[in-house]
Amino acid sequence: MNEGRKEPLAIFGAGWVGLVTGACFAELGHEVVIRDVVPEKIERLRAGKLSFFEPELAELVERNGERLTFTLDAAEAAEAAELLFVCVDTPPTYSGDADLSRVWTVIDELPQLERRPILVMKSTVPVGTGEKVRAALEARGRSDVGYVSNPEFLAEGGAVNDFLHPDRVVVGSFAEADGDRVAALYEKLEAPIVRADVASAEMIKLAANAFLATRISFINEIANVCEVTGADVEKVAEGVGLDHRLGPHFLKAGVGYGGSCFPKDASALKQLASNSGYHFQLLSAVIEVNELQKRRVINKLQKHLGRLRGKRIALLGLAFKANTDDMREAPSIVLASRLLAEGAEVRAYDPVAKPGDLVSGMTTSKSVAEAVRDADAAVIVTEWDEFRSLASPEIRDAMRRPLIIDGRNLLDPEAARSVGFTYEGIGRASSLLSELPQTDEPARRETSSAESAEHSSRE
């Protein structure tokens, strides 16, 4: 490379990881070619349109349009680049293992180059994938291809900031020189760079996400205990999080985690252990707790409303978290499906997420006001900021019953109750009487003088 010249890069996969990676490298001054196999996706990107929502990304793509090229041709993508980033999906199979078919497709389509290319694995893959890829390359007579594991640690809703201001960059390589090439790309970011062998780099990604999922399930279990003891999980989390050994992150009780990373990576690590003959008991419990947490909302509704058949429930938020339109493994899917199975009418609203045909029978609304009109309960599923003003007189009057189940502890309980709502959060103390189904108070019967005299004689 010439002194001062930014290395040209190729990105295989124009999905969320690939587009964020490519756009951010372009922001750092690199010429980037992004390749995908879906013509419609490439056409949209050439027209400056994204197929998903991620804050700041559209502006980044537009600002770096001269350095970003989109193509369907693998040879065109690799023509000028020596570093080829693999950013394809690795969804779970029915057995729980990662589906690496798209990774193998990239390897099969690698063009012959005069230069020595280096495959850089951004996709989340099982530990041991690097060794399998290296063996596959050698079997194809491609021992000239280098391999580096460079896992991504991007959170949806803040991916651009995560890339440009990372906590760390992990680089695992078979050849030290190959790792040096990749590490050099991140020098401008001034972040700690963790150099490791390939297997350790692969494990770092899975272990990090599994540990974060563990923290979420742990605080949700604490929240469930808080509910039966009268403690407030918000205060508990505050007190625990101030311990410097623990920190406050991912100690937010709610309806459980979702998305494209935590569920998949936790299950993948559990499956990896099982395939090796080890039963990962802790991670099994983490996954079970998360699944049960989603269903606890149904129990909360039943405590207040009794049978849910014929009840109208407003689900506020469909995306698995705020600032994204991603509904993969979203708690809203489980909640909506369970409510419909109980015979309830479900209306849902989300500012950006579109459910499509994920949940059959659910009605989508264009606003909060439309979703809650004549509803028997409103359930906050996603922590969108606009839901913070839910507990208002206008919303109360629009609902058939002013009941809020706050699945993200977004509202102030006393403020909601002062406006006239029945409020219940996650892990927050509530009146035992408020949890009972609403029934009419039995009519008081007048006591005769004879009955009064008999009662007095018994005493």
Protein backbone atom coordinates (compact mmCIF):
# COMPACT_ATOMS: atom_id res chain seq x y z
CA MET A 1 0.00 0.00 0.00
CA ASN A 2 1.11 3.57 -0.63
CA GLU A 3 1.93 5.67 2.41
CA GLY A 4 -1.21 7.34 3.73
CA ARG A 5 -3.55 5.44 1.43
CA LYS A 6 -6.56 3.84 3.07
CA GLU A 7 -6.82 0.16 2.26
CA PRO A 8 -9.75 -0.70 -0.06
CA LEU A 9 -12.17 -3.18 1.50
CA ALA A 10 -14.77 -5.67 0.30
CA ILE A 11 -17.86 -6.53 2.34
CA PHE A 12 -19.80 -9.73 1.63
CA GLY A 13 -23.35 -9.25 2.89
CA ALA A 14 -25.40 -6.04 2.73
CA GLY A 15 -27.50 -6.76 5.79
CA TRP A 16 -27.38 -4.90 9.09
CA VAL A 17 -23.82 -5.89 10.06
CA GLY A 18 -22.43 -5.57 6.55
CA LEU A 19 -23.95 -2.17 5.83
CA VAL A 20 -22.96 -0.70 9.20
CA THR A 21 -19.43 -2.07 8.80
CA GLY A 22 -19.07 -0.83 5.24
CA ALA A 23 -20.52 2.62 5.90
CA CYS A 24 -18.36 3.14 9.00
CA PHE A 25 -15.17 2.08 7.21
CA ALA A 26 -16.11 4.49 4.42
CA GLU A 27 -16.50 7.19 7.08
CA LEU A 28 -12.92 6.39 8.13
CA GLY A 29 -11.78 7.04 4.56
CA HIS A 30 -11.72 3.59 2.96
CA GLU A 31 -13.02 2.73 -0.49
CA VAL A 32 -15.63 0.04 0.19
CA VAL A 33 -17.45 -2.35 -2.14
CA ILE A 34 -20.45 -4.13 -0.61
CA ARG A 35 -21.68 -7.28 -2.31
CA ASP A 36 -25.00 -9.10 -1.79
CA VAL A 37 -26.87 -11.83 -3.68
CA VAL A 38 -30.31 -10.16 -3.49
CA PRO A 39 -30.83 -7.89 -6.54
CA GLU A 40 -33.64 -5.86 -4.93
CA LYS A 41 -31.45 -5.03 -1.94
CA ILE A 42 -28.57 -3.83 -4.14
CA GLU A 43 -30.92 -1.76 -6.29
CA ARG A 44 -32.34 -0.03 -3.22
CA LEU A 45 -28.89 0.70 -1.84
CA ARG A 46 -27.74 2.13 -5.16
CA ALA A 47 -30.77 4.42 -4.95
CA GLY A 48 -29.74 5.44 -1.43
CA LYS A 49 -32.54 3.51 0.32
CA LEU A 50 -32.09 1.24 3.32
CA SER A 51 -34.27 -1.82 3.91
CA PHE A 52 -34.14 -1.45 7.71
CA PHE A 53 -34.05 1.29 10.34
CA GLU A 54 -30.85 2.13 12.21
CA PRO A 55 -30.24 5.65 13.62
CA GLU A 56 -27.56 7.69 11.77
CA LEU A 57 -26.89 4.96 9.20
CA ALA A 58 -28.82 6.49 6.29
CA GLU A 59 -26.99 9.78 6.76
CA LEU A 60 -23.66 7.94 6.90
CA VAL A 61 -24.38 6.07 3.67
CA GLU A 62 -25.40 9.29 1.92
CA ARG A 63 -22.40 11.25 3.20
CA ASN A 64 -19.96 8.61 1.99
CA GLY A 65 -21.68 7.82 -1.29
CA GLU A 66 -18.52 8.41 -3.33
CA ARG A 67 -16.61 5.79 -1.34
CA LEU A 68 -19.40 3.18 -1.23
CA THR A 69 -20.14 0.86 -4.14
CA PHE A 70 -22.80 -1.87 -4.22
CA THR A 71 -22.63 -4.93 -6.44
CA LEU A 72 -23.99 -8.44 -7.05
CA ASP A 73 -20.67 -9.64 -8.46
CA ALA A 74 -18.21 -11.33 -6.06
CA ALA A 75 -15.30 -10.76 -8.44
CA GLU A 76 -16.09 -7.05 -8.69
CA ALA A 77 -16.22 -6.78 -4.90
CA ALA A 78 -12.81 -8.41 -4.48
CA GLU A 79 -11.17 -6.81 -7.50
CA ALA A 80 -9.32 -4.04 -5.66
CA ALA A 81 -9.43 -5.37 -2.10
CA GLU A 82 -7.19 -7.72 -0.16
CA LEU A 83 -9.29 -7.69 3.02
CA LEU A 84 -12.63 -9.42 2.41
CA PHE A 85 -15.11 -9.04 5.29
CA VAL A 86 -17.69 -11.81 5.71
CA CYS A 87 -20.87 -10.23 7.12
CA VAL A 88 -23.55 -12.76 6.21
CA ASP A 89 -26.32 -14.17 8.41
CA THR A 90 -25.73 -17.34 10.41
CA PRO A 91 -29.26 -18.16 11.66
CA PRO A 92 -29.91 -21.14 13.93
CA THR A 93 -31.01 -24.43 12.40
CA TYR A 94 -33.73 -26.67 13.84
CA SER A 95 -31.04 -28.51 15.81
CA GLY A 96 -29.83 -25.26 17.37
CA ASP A 97 -26.55 -25.20 15.46
CA ALA A 98 -25.57 -22.17 13.40
CA ASP A 99 -26.43 -22.33 9.72
CA LEU A 100 -23.13 -21.56 7.97
CA SER A 101 -24.44 -22.09 4.44
CA ARG A 102 -24.00 -18.42 3.54
CA VAL A 103 -20.44 -18.47 4.86
CA TRP A 104 -19.64 -21.46 2.64
CA THR A 105 -21.24 -19.69 -0.30
CA VAL A 106 -18.82 -16.78 0.14
CA ILE A 107 -15.89 -19.21 0.25
CA ASP A 108 -17.10 -21.08 -2.83
CA GLU A 109 -17.41 -17.84 -4.78
CA LEU A 110 -14.02 -16.42 -3.84
CA PRO A 111 -12.38 -15.34 -7.10
CA GLN A 112 -8.77 -16.11 -7.95
CA LEU A 113 -6.68 -13.03 -7.22
CA GLU A 114 -3.11 -12.12 -8.03
CA ARG A 115 -2.80 -10.69 -4.53
CA ARG A 116 -3.07 -12.68 -1.29
CA PRO A 117 -6.61 -12.10 0.06
CA ILE A 118 -7.52 -12.29 3.75
CA LEU A 119 -10.99 -13.42 4.82
CA VAL A 120 -12.12 -11.39 7.84
CA MET A 121 -14.99 -13.07 9.68
CA LYS A 122 -17.45 -10.54 11.13
CA SER A 123 -20.37 -12.97 11.17
CA THR A 124 -21.06 -14.67 14.47
CA VAL A 125 -19.91 -18.26 14.08
CA PRO A 126 -19.38 -21.26 16.39
CA VAL A 127 -15.99 -21.76 17.99
CA GLY A 128 -13.95 -23.88 15.60
CA THR A 129 -15.34 -22.33 12.41
CA GLY A 130 -12.00 -20.73 11.59
CA GLU A 131 -10.26 -24.10 11.62
CA LYS A 132 -12.98 -25.57 9.39
CA VAL A 133 -12.72 -22.68 6.95
CA ARG A 134 -8.95 -22.99 6.77
CA ALA A 135 -9.24 -26.72 6.10
CA ALA A 136 -11.89 -26.11 3.43
CA LEU A 137 -9.73 -23.50 1.73
CA GLU A 138 -6.73 -25.83 1.69
CA ALA A 139 -8.91 -28.63 0.27
CA ARG A 140 -9.88 -26.26 -2.55
CA GLY A 141 -6.26 -25.43 -3.23
CA ARG A 142 -6.66 -21.96 -1.72
CA SER A 143 -3.93 -22.03 0.91
CA ASP A 144 -3.06 -18.54 -0.34
CA VAL A 145 -6.12 -17.14 1.50
CA GLY A 146 -5.54 -15.81 5.02
CA TYR A 147 -8.12 -15.87 7.80
CA VAL A 148 -8.88 -13.46 10.66
CA SER A 149 -11.69 -13.55 13.22
CA ASN A 150 -12.89 -10.00 13.89
CA PRO A 151 -16.29 -10.32 15.64
CA GLU A 152 -18.67 -7.39 15.79
CA PHE A 153 -20.02 -5.97 19.05
CA LEU A 154 -22.72 -3.69 17.70
CA ALA A 155 -25.99 -3.02 19.49
CA GLU A 156 -29.03 -2.29 17.33
CA GLY A 157 -30.19 1.26 17.78
CA GLY A 158 -26.65 2.49 18.44
CA ALA A 159 -24.55 0.52 15.96
CA VAL A 160 -22.84 3.46 14.29
CA ASN A 161 -21.64 4.84 17.62
CA ASP A 162 -20.59 1.35 18.75
CA PHE A 163 -18.43 0.92 15.64
CA LEU A 164 -16.81 4.34 15.75
CA HIS A 165 -16.36 4.35 19.55
CA PRO A 166 -15.84 0.69 20.49
CA ASP A 167 -15.07 -0.64 23.97
CA ARG A 168 -12.55 -2.96 22.32
CA VAL A 169 -11.64 -4.53 19.00
CA VAL A 170 -11.00 -8.27 18.94
CA VAL A 171 -8.62 -9.69 16.33
CA GLY A 172 -7.89 -13.41 16.18
CA SER A 173 -5.60 -14.78 13.48
CA PHE A 174 -3.61 -17.83 12.44
CA ALA A 175 -0.81 -15.65 11.02
CA GLU A 176 0.30 -12.65 13.08
CA ALA A 177 0.87 -10.54 9.97
CA ASP A 178 -2.74 -11.06 8.89
CA GLY A 179 -3.94 -9.91 12.29
CA ASP A 180 -1.69 -6.85 12.01
CA ARG A 181 -3.39 -5.87 8.76
CA VAL A 182 -6.84 -5.98 10.32
CA ALA A 183 -5.79 -4.32 13.59
CA ALA A 184 -4.33 -1.42 11.59
CA LEU A 185 -7.81 -0.60 10.24
CA TYR A 186 -8.95 0.35 13.74
CA GLU A 187 -5.94 2.38 14.91
CA LYS A 188 -7.73 5.67 14.29
CA LEU A 189 -10.46 4.67 16.75
CA GLU A 190 -7.96 4.54 19.63
CA ALA A 191 -9.71 1.58 21.24
CA PRO A 192 -8.06 -1.34 23.07
CA ILE A 193 -7.23 -4.12 20.59
CA VAL A 194 -7.41 -7.65 21.94
CA ARG A 195 -5.12 -9.96 19.95
CA ALA A 196 -5.94 -13.64 20.28
CA ASP A 197 -5.95 -16.98 18.53
CA VAL A 198 -8.92 -17.58 16.24
CA ALA A 199 -10.83 -19.93 18.58
CA SER A 200 -10.54 -17.49 21.51
CA ALA A 201 -11.76 -14.59 19.36
CA GLU A 202 -14.77 -16.65 18.31
CA MET A 203 -15.51 -17.54 21.94
CA ILE A 204 -15.21 -13.91 23.12
CA LYS A 205 -18.19 -12.95 20.98
CA LEU A 206 -20.42 -15.79 22.20
CA ALA A 207 -19.33 -15.45 25.83
CA ALA A 208 -19.94 -11.69 25.90
CA ASN A 209 -23.50 -11.97 24.62
CA ALA A 210 -24.26 -14.98 26.82
CA PHE A 211 -23.07 -13.08 29.88
CA LEU A 212 -25.19 -10.04 29.04
CA ALA A 213 -28.20 -12.33 28.56
CA THR A 214 -27.40 -13.84 31.97
CA ARG A 215 -27.51 -10.43 33.62
CA ILE A 216 -30.91 -9.72 32.06
CA SER A 217 -32.38 -13.03 33.18
CA PHE A 218 -30.86 -12.58 36.64
CA ILE A 219 -32.43 -9.18 37.22
CA ASN A 220 -35.75 -10.51 35.90
CA GLU A 221 -35.62 -13.32 38.45
CA ILE A 222 -34.87 -10.74 41.16
CA ALA A 223 -37.84 -8.72 39.89
CA ASN A 224 -40.11 -11.73 40.25
CA VAL A 225 -38.95 -12.20 43.85
CA CYS A 226 -39.45 -8.47 44.48
CA GLU A 227 -43.08 -8.79 43.46
CA VAL A 228 -43.82 -11.39 46.13
CA THR A 229 -41.80 -9.66 48.87
CA GLY A 230 -42.84 -6.04 48.31
CA ALA A 231 -39.40 -4.85 47.22
CA ASP A 232 -38.86 -2.53 44.24
CA VAL A 233 -36.50 -3.94 41.60
CA GLU A 234 -35.66 -0.47 40.34
CA LYS A 235 -34.16 0.44 43.71
CA VAL A 236 -32.55 -2.98 44.01
CA ALA A 237 -30.90 -2.61 40.59
CA GLU A 238 -29.71 0.88 41.50
CA GLY A 239 -28.10 -0.34 44.69
CA VAL A 240 -26.54 -3.37 43.02
CA GLY A 241 -25.33 -1.41 40.00
CA LEU A 242 -23.38 1.08 42.11
CA ASP A 243 -21.06 -1.72 43.19
CA HIS A 244 -17.93 -1.11 41.09
CA ARG A 245 -17.45 -4.85 40.72
CA LEU A 246 -20.83 -5.19 38.99
CA GLY A 247 -21.83 -1.93 37.31
CA PRO A 248 -25.32 -0.80 36.26
CA HIS A 249 -25.45 -2.16 32.72
CA PHE A 250 -28.09 -4.72 31.69
CA LEU A 251 -29.77 -4.65 35.08
CA LYS A 252 -33.09 -3.41 33.71
CA ALA A 253 -36.00 -5.69 34.54
CA GLY A 254 -38.60 -6.23 31.84
CA VAL A 255 -40.35 -8.71 29.60
CA GLY A 256 -37.14 -10.38 28.48
CA TYR A 257 -34.49 -9.99 25.81
CA GLY A 258 -34.91 -10.55 22.08
CA GLY A 259 -33.30 -9.52 18.83
CA SER A 260 -30.83 -11.13 16.48
CA CYS A 261 -27.95 -11.64 18.93
CA PHE A 262 -28.76 -12.65 22.50
CA PRO A 263 -31.25 -15.46 21.81
CA LYS A 264 -29.19 -16.87 18.95
CA ASP A 265 -25.80 -16.58 20.62
CA ALA A 266 -26.95 -17.93 23.98
CA SER A 267 -28.53 -20.92 22.25
CA ALA A 268 -25.47 -21.38 20.04
CA LEU A 269 -23.11 -21.48 23.02
CA LYS A 270 -25.39 -23.92 24.83
CA GLN A 271 -25.53 -26.10 21.70
CA LEU A 272 -21.76 -25.88 21.27
CA ALA A 273 -21.30 -27.14 24.82
CA SER A 274 -23.84 -29.92 24.30
CA ASN A 275 -22.14 -31.06 21.10
CA SER A 276 -18.93 -31.32 23.12
CA GLY A 277 -20.63 -33.42 25.79
CA TYR A 278 -21.00 -30.64 28.38
CA HIS A 279 -24.32 -29.57 29.90
CA PHE A 280 -24.23 -25.78 30.31
CA GLN A 281 -26.69 -25.62 33.22
CA LEU A 282 -26.45 -21.88 33.89
CA LEU A 283 -27.10 -20.92 30.29
CA SER A 284 -30.00 -23.36 30.09
CA ALA A 285 -31.59 -21.57 33.05
CA VAL A 286 -30.94 -18.16 31.48
CA ILE A 287 -32.80 -19.17 28.33
CA GLU A 288 -35.68 -20.72 30.28
CA VAL A 289 -36.09 -17.64 32.49
CA ASN A 290 -36.24 -15.41 29.43
CA GLU A 291 -38.96 -17.49 27.80
CA LEU A 292 -41.06 -17.57 30.96
CA GLN A 293 -40.62 -13.83 31.53
CA LYS A 294 -42.48 -13.00 28.33
CA ARG A 295 -45.45 -15.08 29.46
CA ARG A 296 -45.69 -13.50 32.91
CA VAL A 297 -47.37 -10.50 31.32
CA ILE A 298 -50.32 -12.73 30.44
CA ASN A 299 -50.64 -13.71 34.11
CA LYS A 300 -50.58 -10.05 35.14
CA LEU A 301 -53.40 -9.27 32.74
CA GLN A 302 -55.44 -12.22 33.99
CA LYS A 303 -55.06 -11.07 37.61
CA HIS A 304 -56.68 -7.77 36.73
CA LEU A 305 -59.12 -8.78 34.01
CA GLY A 306 -59.93 -12.41 34.70
CA ARG A 307 -60.51 -14.37 31.50
CA LEU A 308 -59.06 -12.56 28.49
CA ARG A 309 -61.56 -13.82 25.93
CA GLY A 310 -63.20 -10.81 24.33
CA LYS A 311 -60.89 -8.33 26.07
CA ARG A 312 -59.17 -5.69 23.95
CA ILE A 313 -55.44 -5.38 24.68
CA ALA A 314 -53.17 -2.67 23.28
CA LEU A 315 -49.55 -3.73 22.76
CA LEU A 316 -47.31 -0.66 22.67
CA GLY A 317 -44.07 -1.49 20.92
CA LEU A 318 -43.31 -4.35 18.55
CA ALA A 319 -39.55 -4.10 17.98
CA PHE A 320 -37.44 -6.06 20.44
CA LYS A 321 -35.92 -2.77 21.66
CA ALA A 322 -36.24 0.94 20.98
CA ASN A 323 -34.51 2.68 18.06
CA THR A 324 -34.75 -0.30 15.72
CA ASP A 325 -37.39 -1.94 13.56
CA ASP A 326 -36.02 -5.43 14.22
CA MET A 327 -38.68 -7.89 15.41
CA ARG A 328 -36.51 -11.00 15.44
CA GLU A 329 -37.24 -12.92 18.66
CA ALA A 330 -39.19 -9.88 19.92
CA PRO A 331 -41.26 -10.43 23.10
CA SER A 332 -44.18 -8.78 21.30
CA ILE A 333 -44.53 -11.82 19.02
CA VAL A 334 -44.95 -14.18 21.97
CA LEU A 335 -47.30 -11.80 23.79
CA ALA A 336 -49.52 -11.20 20.78
CA SER A 337 -49.69 -14.91 19.96
CA ARG A 338 -50.56 -15.87 23.54
CA LEU A 339 -53.21 -13.15 23.83
CA LEU A 340 -54.84 -14.22 20.59
CA ALA A 341 -54.78 -17.83 21.79
CA GLU A 342 -56.61 -16.69 24.94
CA GLY A 343 -59.31 -15.13 22.77
CA ALA A 344 -58.31 -11.49 23.25
CA GLU A 345 -58.44 -8.81 20.60
CA VAL A 346 -54.96 -7.39 20.05
CA ARG A 347 -54.16 -3.94 18.75
CA ALA A 348 -50.51 -3.00 18.35
CA TYR A 349 -48.54 0.15 17.67
CA ASP A 350 -44.84 0.76 17.00
CA PRO A 351 -43.25 3.93 15.59
CA VAL A 352 -41.09 2.08 13.02
CA ALA A 353 -41.48 -1.72 13.23
CA LYS A 354 -43.83 -3.39 10.77
CA PRO A 355 -44.97 -6.88 11.79
CA GLY A 356 -45.99 -8.04 8.31
CA ASP A 357 -47.33 -11.58 8.63
CA LEU A 358 -45.38 -12.46 11.80
CA VAL A 359 -48.58 -12.50 13.87
CA SER A 360 -51.82 -13.45 12.16
CA GLY A 361 -54.93 -11.86 13.65
CA MET A 362 -53.30 -8.82 15.25
CA THR A 363 -54.47 -5.34 14.21
CA THR A 364 -51.84 -2.62 13.81
CA SER A 365 -52.61 0.99 14.67
CA LYS A 366 -51.16 4.25 13.41
CA SER A 367 -50.84 5.89 16.83
CA VAL A 368 -50.94 5.25 20.55
CA ALA A 369 -54.34 6.93 20.77
CA GLU A 370 -55.78 4.62 18.13
CA ALA A 371 -54.31 1.51 19.76
CA VAL A 372 -55.69 2.23 23.25
CA ARG A 373 -59.18 3.38 22.23
CA ASP A 374 -61.73 1.29 24.18
CA ALA A 375 -58.93 -1.04 25.34
CA ASP A 376 -59.18 -3.03 28.56
CA ALA A 377 -55.42 -2.74 29.09
CA ALA A 378 -52.31 -1.19 27.58
CA VAL A 379 -49.06 -3.16 27.72
CA ILE A 380 -45.74 -1.35 27.22
CA VAL A 381 -43.52 -3.85 25.42
CA THR A 382 -40.79 -1.63 23.94
CA GLU A 383 -39.12 1.29 25.70
CA TRP A 384 -39.85 3.96 23.06
CA ASP A 385 -39.61 7.47 24.52
CA GLU A 386 -43.04 8.48 23.26
CA PHE A 387 -44.62 5.95 25.63
CA ARG A 388 -43.32 7.88 28.65
CA SER A 389 -46.33 10.20 28.35
CA LEU A 390 -48.84 7.34 28.25
CA ALA A 391 -50.31 7.99 31.71
CA SER A 392 -52.37 11.04 30.75
CA PRO A 393 -56.03 11.97 31.34
CA GLU A 394 -56.66 11.76 27.59
CA ILE A 395 -55.42 8.17 27.36
CA ARG A 396 -57.28 7.24 30.56
CA ASP A 397 -60.55 8.55 29.19
CA ALA A 398 -60.00 6.81 25.85
CA MET A 399 -59.62 3.36 27.44
CA ARG A 400 -62.45 1.11 28.51
CA ARG A 401 -60.45 0.24 31.64
CA PRO A 402 -57.48 2.39 32.63
CA LEU A 403 -55.03 -0.49 33.20
CA ILE A 404 -51.33 -0.25 32.32
CA ILE A 405 -48.95 -3.20 32.43
CA ASP A 406 -45.54 -1.57 32.15
CA GLY A 407 -43.28 -4.26 30.73
CA ARG A 408 -40.26 -1.95 30.72
CA ASN A 409 -40.80 0.01 33.96
CA LEU A 410 -40.92 3.12 31.82
CA LEU A 411 -43.45 5.07 33.90
CA ASP A 412 -43.55 6.45 37.42
CA PRO A 413 -46.03 4.21 39.27
CA GLU A 414 -47.38 6.89 41.61
CA ALA A 415 -47.76 9.41 38.80
CA ALA A 416 -49.75 6.87 36.77
CA ARG A 417 -51.98 5.98 39.71
CA SER A 418 -52.56 9.64 40.56
CA VAL A 419 -54.06 10.16 37.10
CA GLY A 420 -56.46 7.28 37.69
CA PHE A 421 -54.69 4.30 36.15
CA THR A 422 -54.32 0.87 37.65
CA TYR A 423 -50.61 0.35 37.18
CA GLU A 424 -48.38 -2.69 37.39
CA GLY A 425 -44.75 -2.90 36.36
CA ILE A 426 -42.12 -5.60 36.52
CA GLY A 427 -40.72 -6.23 40.00
CA ARG A 428 -42.53 -3.27 41.51
CA ALA A 429 -44.78 -3.53 44.56
CA SER A 430 -48.48 -3.20 43.84
CA SER A 431 -51.63 -3.39 45.89
CA LEU A 432 -52.78 -6.95 46.43
CA LEU A 433 -56.37 -5.81 45.97
CA SER A 434 -55.56 -4.16 42.64
CA GLU A 435 -54.43 -7.52 41.25
CA LEU A 436 -57.84 -9.16 41.72
CA PRO A 437 -60.34 -9.31 38.85
CA GLN A 438 -62.87 -6.53 39.06
CA THR A 439 -66.15 -7.76 40.55
CA ASP A 440 -69.18 -5.99 41.91
CA GLU A 441 -69.27 -5.62 45.69
CA PRO A 442 -72.10 -7.80 47.10
CA ALA A 443 -75.15 -5.89 48.28
CA ARG A 444 -75.21 -5.36 52.06
CA ARG A 445 -78.13 -7.13 53.77
CA GLU A 446 -79.89 -5.45 56.66
CA THR A 447 -79.56 -7.43 59.90
CA SER A 448 -82.74 -7.99 61.88
CA SER A 449 -82.96 -7.27 65.63
CA ALA A 450 -83.50 -10.98 66.34
CA GLU A 451 -80.32 -11.94 64.43
CA SER A 452 -78.40 -9.27 66.33
CA ALA A 453 -79.63 -10.62 69.67
CA GLU A 454 -78.70 -14.21 68.65
CA HIS A 455 -75.20 -13.08 67.64
CA SER A 456 -74.74 -11.29 70.95
CA SER A 457 -75.81 -14.38 72.91
CA ARG A 458 -73.19 -16.50 71.12
CA GLU A 459 -70.50 -14.12 72.23
